[in-house]
Amino acid sequence: MIVAVTSIITFIIGLCLGFFIVTKSFDNQDWTMLRWNKGCLGYRAVSFGSRLMRGDKVIMALHLDTASFPDEGVTYDVD
């Protein structure tokens, strides 16, 4: 009985700790919101305080530091 309770408590603590780590790692990334701009036929960064409306074409983008890529480059594929 004690083993079962200890296992459940350990599982819950691990689950909460994992959720906390994933949330913090997601929030600490350099995310940018982009909205379709008909004037330039491309996506533009959305400034803070802008109102996004239903039907807007919006992309959430992540800035990647390409300086850490290998010299031969990185292949983008479906995986």
C-alpha atoms as a PDB file:
ATOM      1  CA  MET A   1       0.000   0.000   0.000  1.00  0.00           C
ATOM      2  CA  ILE A   2       2.792   2.407   0.903  1.00  0.00           C
ATOM      3  CA  VAL A   3       4.613   1.574  -2.335  1.00  0.00           C
ATOM      4  CA  ALA A   4       1.512   2.422  -4.385  1.00  0.00           C
ATOM      5  CA  VAL A   5       0.985   5.759  -2.619  1.00  0.00           C
ATOM      6  CA  THR A   6       4.683   6.638  -2.939  1.00  0.00           C
ATOM      7  CA  SER A   7       4.597   5.750  -6.635  1.00  0.00           C
ATOM      8  CA  ILE A   8       1.529   7.916  -7.249  1.00  0.00           C
ATOM      9  CA  ILE A   9       3.022  10.870  -5.375  1.00  0.00           C
ATOM     10  CA  THR A  10       6.319  10.508  -7.261  1.00  0.00           C
ATOM     11  CA  PHE A  11       4.445  10.362 -10.570  1.00  0.00           C
ATOM     12  CA  ILE A  12       2.429  13.510  -9.760  1.00  0.00           C
ATOM     13  CA  ILE A  13       5.565  15.416  -8.687  1.00  0.00           C
ATOM     14  CA  GLY A  14       7.361  14.371 -11.901  1.00  0.00           C
ATOM     15  CA  LEU A  15       4.368  15.358 -14.008  1.00  0.00           C
ATOM     16  CA  CYS A  16       4.150  18.803 -12.397  1.00  0.00           C
ATOM     17  CA  LEU A  17       7.898  19.343 -12.675  1.00  0.00           C
ATOM     18  CA  GLY A  18       7.895  18.326 -16.349  1.00  0.00           C
ATOM     19  CA  PHE A  19       4.964  20.625 -17.113  1.00  0.00           C
ATOM     20  CA  PHE A  20       6.764  23.517 -15.377  1.00  0.00           C
ATOM     21  CA  ILE A  21      10.006  22.946 -17.327  1.00  0.00           C
ATOM     22  CA  VAL A  22       8.217  22.691 -20.699  1.00  0.00           C
ATOM     23  CA  THR A  23       6.212  25.848 -20.027  1.00  0.00           C
ATOM     24  CA  LYS A  24       9.295  27.847 -19.012  1.00  0.00           C
ATOM     25  CA  SER A  25      11.343  26.654 -21.987  1.00  0.00           C
ATOM     26  CA  PHE A  26       8.516  27.615 -24.384  1.00  0.00           C
ATOM     27  CA  ASP A  27       8.077  31.075 -22.838  1.00  0.00           C
ATOM     28  CA  ASN A  28      11.811  31.857 -22.917  1.00  0.00           C
ATOM     29  CA  GLN A  29      12.068  31.516 -26.718  1.00  0.00           C
ATOM     30  CA  ASP A  30      12.308  34.531 -29.059  1.00  0.00           C
ATOM     31  CA  TRP A  31       8.772  34.344 -30.535  1.00  0.00           C
ATOM     32  CA  THR A  32       7.440  36.906 -33.028  1.00  0.00           C
ATOM     33  CA  MET A  33       3.881  37.387 -34.252  1.00  0.00           C
ATOM     34  CA  LEU A  34       3.574  38.076 -37.988  1.00  0.00           C
ATOM     35  CA  ARG A  35       0.439  39.276 -39.806  1.00  0.00           C
ATOM     36  CA  TRP A  36      -0.210  39.242 -43.551  1.00  0.00           C
ATOM     37  CA  ASN A  37       0.167  42.721 -45.065  1.00  0.00           C
ATOM     38  CA  LYS A  38      -1.635  43.186 -48.373  1.00  0.00           C
ATOM     39  CA  GLY A  39       0.379  46.341 -49.136  1.00  0.00           C
ATOM     40  CA  CYS A  40       3.676  44.491 -49.424  1.00  0.00           C
ATOM     41  CA  LEU A  41       2.323  41.000 -50.164  1.00  0.00           C
ATOM     42  CA  GLY A  42       4.162  39.494 -47.241  1.00  0.00           C
ATOM     43  CA  TYR A  43       4.101  39.002 -43.484  1.00  0.00           C
ATOM     44  CA  ARG A  44       5.064  41.885 -41.192  1.00  0.00           C
ATOM     45  CA  ALA A  45       5.812  41.868 -37.474  1.00  0.00           C
ATOM     46  CA  VAL A  46       2.852  42.809 -35.282  1.00  0.00           C
ATOM     47  CA  SER A  47       3.620  45.602 -32.825  1.00  0.00           C
ATOM     48  CA  PHE A  48       2.563  45.319 -29.193  1.00  0.00           C
ATOM     49  CA  GLY A  49      -0.912  46.700 -28.608  1.00  0.00           C
ATOM     50  CA  SER A  50      -2.132  45.829 -32.114  1.00  0.00           C
ATOM     51  CA  ARG A  51      -5.555  44.242 -32.419  1.00  0.00           C
ATOM     52  CA  LEU A  52      -5.691  40.916 -34.234  1.00  0.00           C
ATOM     53  CA  MET A  53      -9.082  40.268 -35.802  1.00  0.00           C
ATOM     54  CA  ARG A  54     -10.849  37.083 -36.809  1.00  0.00           C
ATOM     55  CA  GLY A  55      -9.881  36.244 -40.372  1.00  0.00           C
ATOM     56  CA  ASP A  56      -6.391  37.807 -40.161  1.00  0.00           C
ATOM     57  CA  LYS A  57      -3.605  35.617 -41.489  1.00  0.00           C
ATOM     58  CA  VAL A  58      -1.236  35.303 -38.526  1.00  0.00           C
ATOM     59  CA  ILE A  59       1.954  33.287 -38.065  1.00  0.00           C
ATOM     60  CA  MET A  60       3.835  32.718 -34.826  1.00  0.00           C
ATOM     61  CA  ALA A  61       7.534  32.588 -35.761  1.00  0.00           C
ATOM     62  CA  LEU A  62      10.617  31.594 -33.807  1.00  0.00           C
ATOM     63  CA  HIS A  63      13.943  33.315 -34.441  1.00  0.00           C
ATOM     64  CA  LEU A  64      16.778  30.824 -34.916  1.00  0.00           C
ATOM     65  CA  ASP A  65      20.437  31.709 -34.477  1.00  0.00           C
ATOM     66  CA  THR A  66      21.978  30.289 -37.657  1.00  0.00           C
ATOM     67  CA  ALA A  67      25.520  30.914 -36.390  1.00  0.00           C
ATOM     68  CA  SER A  68      25.315  27.590 -34.540  1.00  0.00           C
ATOM     69  CA  PHE A  69      24.459  25.654 -37.744  1.00  0.00           C
ATOM     70  CA  PRO A  70      27.207  23.453 -39.193  1.00  0.00           C
ATOM     71  CA  ASP A  71      29.163  24.699 -42.225  1.00  0.00           C
ATOM     72  CA  GLU A  72      27.456  22.229 -44.568  1.00  0.00           C
ATOM     73  CA  GLY A  73      24.048  23.550 -43.506  1.00  0.00           C
ATOM     74  CA  VAL A  74      20.947  21.862 -42.154  1.00  0.00           C
ATOM     75  CA  THR A  75      18.535  19.939 -44.366  1.00  0.00           C
ATOM     76  CA  TYR A  76      14.860  20.713 -43.803  1.00  0.00           C
ATOM     77  CA  ASP A  77      12.676  17.682 -44.431  1.00  0.00           C
ATOM     78  CA  VAL A  78       9.310  16.281 -43.464  1.00  0.00           C
ATOM     79  CA  ASP A  79      10.429  14.469 -40.283  1.00  0.00           C
END
